[in-house]
C-alpha atoms as a PDB file:
ATOM      1  CA  MET A   1       7.640  -0.189  21.387  1.00  0.00           C
ATOM      2  CA  LYS A   2       5.822   2.481  19.400  1.00  0.00           C
ATOM      3  CA  GLY A   3       4.379   1.781  15.991  1.00  0.00           C
ATOM      4  CA  ALA A   4       2.508   3.755  13.350  1.00  0.00           C
ATOM      5  CA  ILE A   5       0.859   3.420   9.967  1.00  0.00           C
ATOM      6  CA  PHE A   6       2.147   5.683   7.180  1.00  0.00           C
ATOM      7  CA  PHE A   7       0.166   5.752   3.949  1.00  0.00           C
ATOM      8  CA  SER A   8       0.170   7.284   0.499  1.00  0.00           C
ATOM      9  CA  GLY A   9      -2.862   7.085  -1.729  1.00  0.00           C
ATOM     10  CA  LYS A  10      -4.703   8.936  -4.430  1.00  0.00           C
ATOM     11  CA  TYR A  11      -8.389   7.972  -4.453  1.00  0.00           C
ATOM     12  CA  GLY A  12      -9.142   6.791  -0.896  1.00  0.00           C
ATOM     13  CA  SER A  13      -8.694   3.010  -0.900  1.00  0.00           C
ATOM     14  CA  THR A  14      -5.280   3.031   0.769  1.00  0.00           C
ATOM     15  CA  GLU A  15      -6.467   5.502   3.393  1.00  0.00           C
ATOM     16  CA  GLN A  16      -9.496   3.293   4.129  1.00  0.00           C
ATOM     17  CA  TYR A  17      -7.264   0.237   4.622  1.00  0.00           C
ATOM     18  CA  ALA A  18      -4.985   2.308   6.894  1.00  0.00           C
ATOM     19  CA  LYS A  19      -8.016   3.316   8.981  1.00  0.00           C
ATOM     20  CA  TRP A  20      -9.226  -0.279   9.252  1.00  0.00           C
ATOM     21  CA  ILE A  21      -5.752  -1.444  10.327  1.00  0.00           C
ATOM     22  CA  GLY A  22      -5.523   1.436  12.810  1.00  0.00           C
ATOM     23  CA  GLU A  23      -8.918   0.555  14.306  1.00  0.00           C
ATOM     24  CA  ALA A  24      -7.920  -3.098  14.648  1.00  0.00           C
ATOM     25  CA  THR A  25      -4.496  -2.421  16.205  1.00  0.00           C
ATOM     26  CA  GLY A  26      -4.687   0.982  17.891  1.00  0.00           C
ATOM     27  CA  LEU A  27      -1.766   2.283  15.820  1.00  0.00           C
ATOM     28  CA  PRO A  28      -1.836   5.964  14.798  1.00  0.00           C
ATOM     29  CA  ILE A  29      -2.356   6.715  11.100  1.00  0.00           C
ATOM     30  CA  LEU A  30      -0.275   9.308   9.274  1.00  0.00           C
ATOM     31  CA  ASP A  31      -0.599  10.537   5.712  1.00  0.00           C
ATOM     32  CA  ILE A  32       2.945  10.953   4.374  1.00  0.00           C
ATOM     33  CA  LYS A  33       1.950  14.448   3.175  1.00  0.00           C
ATOM     34  CA  ASP A  34       1.508  15.474   6.824  1.00  0.00           C
ATOM     35  CA  ASP A  35       4.459  17.442   8.233  1.00  0.00           C
ATOM     36  CA  HIS A  36       4.266  15.298  11.390  1.00  0.00           C
ATOM     37  CA  ALA A  37       4.752  12.036   9.435  1.00  0.00           C
ATOM     38  CA  ASP A  38       8.225  11.341  10.826  1.00  0.00           C
ATOM     39  CA  PRO A  39       9.094   7.630  10.850  1.00  0.00           C
ATOM     40  CA  SER A  40      12.078   8.211  13.159  1.00  0.00           C
ATOM     41  CA  LYS A  41       9.617   8.653  16.059  1.00  0.00           C
ATOM     42  CA  TYR A  42       8.512   5.008  15.779  1.00  0.00           C
ATOM     43  CA  ASP A  43      10.129   1.601  16.161  1.00  0.00           C
ATOM     44  CA  PHE A  44       7.624  -0.358  14.089  1.00  0.00           C
ATOM     45  CA  LEU A  45       6.198   0.878  10.781  1.00  0.00           C
ATOM     46  CA  VAL A  46       3.322  -0.159   8.578  1.00  0.00           C
ATOM     47  CA  LEU A  47       3.680   1.440   5.156  1.00  0.00           C
ATOM     48  CA  GLY A  48       0.650   1.563   2.863  1.00  0.00           C
ATOM     49  CA  SER A  49       0.776   2.579  -0.776  1.00  0.00           C
ATOM     50  CA  SER A  50      -1.444   2.713  -3.803  1.00  0.00           C
ATOM     51  CA  VAL A  51      -0.053   1.498  -7.096  1.00  0.00           C
ATOM     52  CA  LEU A  52      -0.441   3.995  -9.937  1.00  0.00           C
ATOM     53  CA  TYR A  53       1.124   3.607 -13.365  1.00  0.00           C
ATOM     54  CA  PHE A  54       2.933   0.447 -12.177  1.00  0.00           C
ATOM     55  CA  LYS A  55       4.659   2.276  -9.278  1.00  0.00           C
ATOM     56  CA  LEU A  56       4.089   2.669  -5.550  1.00  0.00           C
ATOM     57  CA  THR A  57       2.910   6.169  -4.669  1.00  0.00           C
ATOM     58  CA  ILE A  58       5.034   6.039  -1.500  1.00  0.00           C
ATOM     59  CA  ARG A  59       8.290   5.469  -3.416  1.00  0.00           C
ATOM     60  CA  LYS A  60       9.668   9.043  -3.380  1.00  0.00           C
ATOM     61  CA  TRP A  61       8.868   9.512   0.319  1.00  0.00           C
ATOM     62  CA  ALA A  62      10.464   6.146   1.125  1.00  0.00           C
ATOM     63  CA  ARG A  63      13.650   7.078  -0.720  1.00  0.00           C
ATOM     64  CA  ALA A  64      13.755  10.507   0.936  1.00  0.00           C
ATOM     65  CA  ASN A  65      13.303   8.888   4.369  1.00  0.00           C
ATOM     66  CA  LEU A  66      15.475   5.829   3.771  1.00  0.00           C
ATOM     67  CA  SER A  67      17.804   6.534   6.690  1.00  0.00           C
ATOM     68  CA  LYS A  68      14.777   6.895   9.002  1.00  0.00           C
ATOM     69  CA  LEU A  69      13.210   3.666   7.713  1.00  0.00           C
ATOM     70  CA  ASN A  70      16.327   1.486   7.930  1.00  0.00           C
ATOM     71  CA  GLY A  71      16.665  -0.677  11.003  1.00  0.00           C
ATOM     72  CA  ARG A  72      12.970  -0.544  11.928  1.00  0.00           C
ATOM     73  CA  SER A  73      10.519  -3.419  11.621  1.00  0.00           C
ATOM     74  CA  LYS A  74       8.276  -2.833   8.629  1.00  0.00           C
ATOM     75  CA  ILE A  75       5.223  -4.217   6.871  1.00  0.00           C
ATOM     76  CA  LEU A  76       4.266  -2.882   3.448  1.00  0.00           C
ATOM     77  CA  PHE A  77       0.759  -3.158   2.093  1.00  0.00           C
ATOM     78  CA  SER A  78       0.097  -2.262  -1.518  1.00  0.00           C
ATOM     79  CA  VAL A  79      -3.338  -1.446  -2.902  1.00  0.00           C
ATOM     80  CA  SER A  80      -4.107  -2.100  -6.556  1.00  0.00           C
ATOM     81  CA  GLY A  81      -6.297  -3.915  -9.007  1.00  0.00           C
ATOM     82  CA  ALA A  82      -3.497  -6.331  -9.841  1.00  0.00           C
ATOM     83  CA  GLY A  83      -3.796  -8.534  -6.760  1.00  0.00           C
ATOM     84  CA  ALA A  84      -0.975 -10.656  -5.406  1.00  0.00           C
ATOM     85  CA  SER A  85       1.129 -11.659  -8.405  1.00  0.00           C
ATOM     86  CA  ALA A  86       4.603 -11.736  -9.866  1.00  0.00           C
ATOM     87  CA  LYS A  87       3.617  -8.640 -11.864  1.00  0.00           C
ATOM     88  CA  LEU A  88       2.793  -6.719  -8.667  1.00  0.00           C
ATOM     89  CA  ASN A  89       5.953  -7.950  -6.934  1.00  0.00           C
ATOM     90  CA  ASN A  90       7.944  -6.606  -9.885  1.00  0.00           C
ATOM     91  CA  TRP A  91       6.272  -3.194  -9.614  1.00  0.00           C
ATOM     92  CA  VAL A  92       7.067  -3.089  -5.884  1.00  0.00           C
ATOM     93  CA  ALA A  93      10.667  -4.148  -6.509  1.00  0.00           C
ATOM     94  CA  ASN A  94      11.063  -1.422  -9.146  1.00  0.00           C
ATOM     95  CA  SER A  95       9.629   1.211  -6.782  1.00  0.00           C
ATOM     96  CA  LEU A  96      11.764   0.714  -3.671  1.00  0.00           C
ATOM     97  CA  PRO A  97      15.465   0.219  -2.982  1.00  0.00           C
ATOM     98  CA  GLU A  98      16.468  -3.422  -2.454  1.00  0.00           C
ATOM     99  CA  GLU A  99      17.935  -2.614   0.971  1.00  0.00           C
ATOM    100  CA  LEU A 100      14.487  -1.431   2.083  1.00  0.00           C
ATOM    101  CA  LEU A 101      12.571  -4.289   0.469  1.00  0.00           C
ATOM    102  CA  SER A 102      14.774  -6.857   2.172  1.00  0.00           C
ATOM    103  CA  GLN A 103      13.737  -5.460   5.575  1.00  0.00           C
ATOM    104  CA  MET A 104       9.956  -5.726   5.142  1.00  0.00           C
ATOM    105  CA  GLU A 105       7.078  -8.059   4.518  1.00  0.00           C
ATOM    106  CA  HIS A 106       4.695  -7.223   1.680  1.00  0.00           C
ATOM    107  CA  VAL A 107       0.944  -7.871   1.672  1.00  0.00           C
ATOM    108  CA  ALA A 108      -1.094  -7.153  -1.479  1.00  0.00           C
ATOM    109  CA  LEU A 109      -4.607  -5.780  -0.980  1.00  0.00           C
ATOM    110  CA  GLY A 110      -7.335  -5.280  -3.561  1.00  0.00           C
ATOM    111  CA  GLY A 111      -8.118  -1.741  -4.588  1.00  0.00           C
ATOM    112  CA  LYS A 112     -10.933   0.163  -6.181  1.00  0.00           C
ATOM    113  CA  LEU A 113     -11.194   2.033  -9.458  1.00  0.00           C
ATOM    114  CA  ASP A 114     -14.133   4.415  -9.647  1.00  0.00           C
ATOM    115  CA  HIS A 115     -14.195   6.060 -13.065  1.00  0.00           C
ATOM    116  CA  SER A 116     -16.199   8.981 -11.669  1.00  0.00           C
ATOM    117  CA  LYS A 117     -13.163   9.971  -9.554  1.00  0.00           C
ATOM    118  CA  ILE A 118     -10.511   9.907 -12.262  1.00  0.00           C
ATOM    119  CA  SER A 119      -9.789  12.371 -15.032  1.00  0.00           C
ATOM    120  CA  TRP A 120     -11.195  12.086 -18.511  1.00  0.00           C
ATOM    121  CA  TRP A 121      -7.633  11.653 -19.783  1.00  0.00           C
ATOM    122  CA  LEU A 122      -6.917   8.721 -17.467  1.00  0.00           C
ATOM    123  CA  ARG A 123     -10.193   7.057 -18.497  1.00  0.00           C
ATOM    124  CA  GLN A 124      -9.047   7.324 -22.122  1.00  0.00           C
ATOM    125  CA  ILE A 125      -5.642   5.841 -21.299  1.00  0.00           C
ATOM    126  CA  LEU A 126      -7.302   2.942 -19.485  1.00  0.00           C
ATOM    127  CA  TRP A 127      -9.668   2.353 -22.402  1.00  0.00           C
ATOM    128  CA  VAL A 128      -6.821   2.256 -24.923  1.00  0.00           C
ATOM    129  CA  GLY A 129      -4.766   0.044 -22.611  1.00  0.00           C
ATOM    130  CA  SER A 130      -7.696  -2.341 -22.286  1.00  0.00           C
ATOM    131  CA  LEU A 131      -7.602  -2.947 -26.038  1.00  0.00           C
ATOM    132  CA  PHE A 132      -4.238  -4.681 -25.584  1.00  0.00           C
ATOM    133  CA  ASN A 133      -5.096  -6.618 -22.426  1.00  0.00           C
ATOM    134  CA  PRO A 134      -5.520 -10.330 -23.221  1.00  0.00           C
ATOM    135  CA  ASN A 135      -7.446 -10.971 -19.984  1.00  0.00           C
ATOM    136  CA  PRO A 136     -11.174 -10.344 -20.605  1.00  0.00           C
ATOM    137  CA  GLN A 137     -11.978  -9.651 -16.924  1.00  0.00           C
ATOM    138  CA  ALA A 138      -9.067  -7.215 -16.544  1.00  0.00           C
ATOM    139  CA  ARG A 139     -10.064  -5.565 -19.834  1.00  0.00           C
ATOM    140  CA  LYS A 140     -13.604  -5.031 -18.507  1.00  0.00           C
ATOM    141  CA  GLU A 141     -12.280  -3.641 -15.189  1.00  0.00           C
ATOM    142  CA  GLU A 142      -9.985  -1.189 -16.970  1.00  0.00           C
ATOM    143  CA  ARG A 143     -12.928   0.082 -19.004  1.00  0.00           C
ATOM    144  CA  TYR A 144     -15.636   0.230 -16.332  1.00  0.00           C
ATOM    145  CA  GLY A 145     -13.895   0.155 -12.961  1.00  0.00           C
ATOM    146  CA  PHE A 146     -13.856  -2.340 -10.104  1.00  0.00           C
ATOM    147  CA  ASP A 147     -14.111  -2.669  -6.345  1.00  0.00           C
ATOM    148  CA  HIS A 148     -11.896  -5.356  -4.798  1.00  0.00           C
ATOM    149  CA  MET A 149     -11.767  -3.757  -1.353  1.00  0.00           C
ATOM    150  CA  ASP A 150     -12.313  -6.234   1.455  1.00  0.00           C
ATOM    151  CA  LYS A 151     -11.947  -5.353   5.128  1.00  0.00           C
ATOM    152  CA  SER A 152     -11.220  -8.971   6.045  1.00  0.00           C
ATOM    153  CA  SER A 153      -8.119  -8.902   3.813  1.00  0.00           C
ATOM    154  CA  ILE A 154      -6.297  -6.833   6.460  1.00  0.00           C
ATOM    155  CA  GLU A 155      -6.252  -9.812   8.843  1.00  0.00           C
ATOM    156  CA  PRO A 156      -2.746 -11.021   7.842  1.00  0.00           C
ATOM    157  CA  ILE A 157      -1.424  -7.508   8.506  1.00  0.00           C
ATOM    158  CA  VAL A 158      -3.239  -7.218  11.837  1.00  0.00           C
ATOM    159  CA  GLU A 159      -1.913 -10.647  12.848  1.00  0.00           C
ATOM    160  CA  LYS A 160       1.677  -9.681  11.938  1.00  0.00           C
ATOM    161  CA  ILE A 161       1.347  -6.472  13.973  1.00  0.00           C
ATOM    162  CA  LYS A 162      -0.028  -8.351  16.986  1.00  0.00           C
ATOM    163  CA  GLN A 163       2.759 -10.947  16.755  1.00  0.00           C
ATOM    164  CA  HIS A 164       5.306  -8.144  16.650  1.00  0.00           C
ATOM    165  CA  GLN A 165       3.711  -6.442  19.658  1.00  0.00           C
ATOM    166  CA  GLN A 166       3.666  -9.726  21.593  1.00  0.00           C
ATOM    167  CA  ARG A 167       7.347 -10.385  20.839  1.00  0.00           C
ATOM    168  CA  VAL A 168       8.193  -6.943  22.221  1.00  0.00           C
ATOM    169  CA  VAL A 169       6.161  -7.493  25.390  1.00  0.00           C
ATOM    170  CA  SER A 170       7.740 -10.932  25.888  1.00  0.00           C
ATOM    171  CA  SER A 171      11.284  -9.576  25.527  1.00  0.00           C
END
């Protein structure tokens, strides 16, 4: 059974996680912007997406490729500063069709916000947004950035992939 990792990101964190997962599992890594990123060529899919403005960056590609994604085993990993939470689960649910969500497992991974890589305008939006954030730590992170990336956090994903590969070999 052939598998692959498809990712969508903006500032590099999601791509880094995809590379780490690829190194650990041997699965090929495909940026969804690549013309060769065709999920119909694979039986097992790992989908990675950044969260920007409360939405998955992979959402439009997933909707456009819904027929190719249906019926295949899938793991979704999201990358954000929100961490695993009901808030993040809501953003994921609002980004993807229910029929797709019901066919996949979701793993939340910590992201990175480097203010030197974002536009002046986005920094201003984050600063204003931080004024209304009741959480002092989150307020500080919105204003000055954060780095929650952790290579060891991919272990649940790697384990799920290996279990899937073992089930296929055993069948």
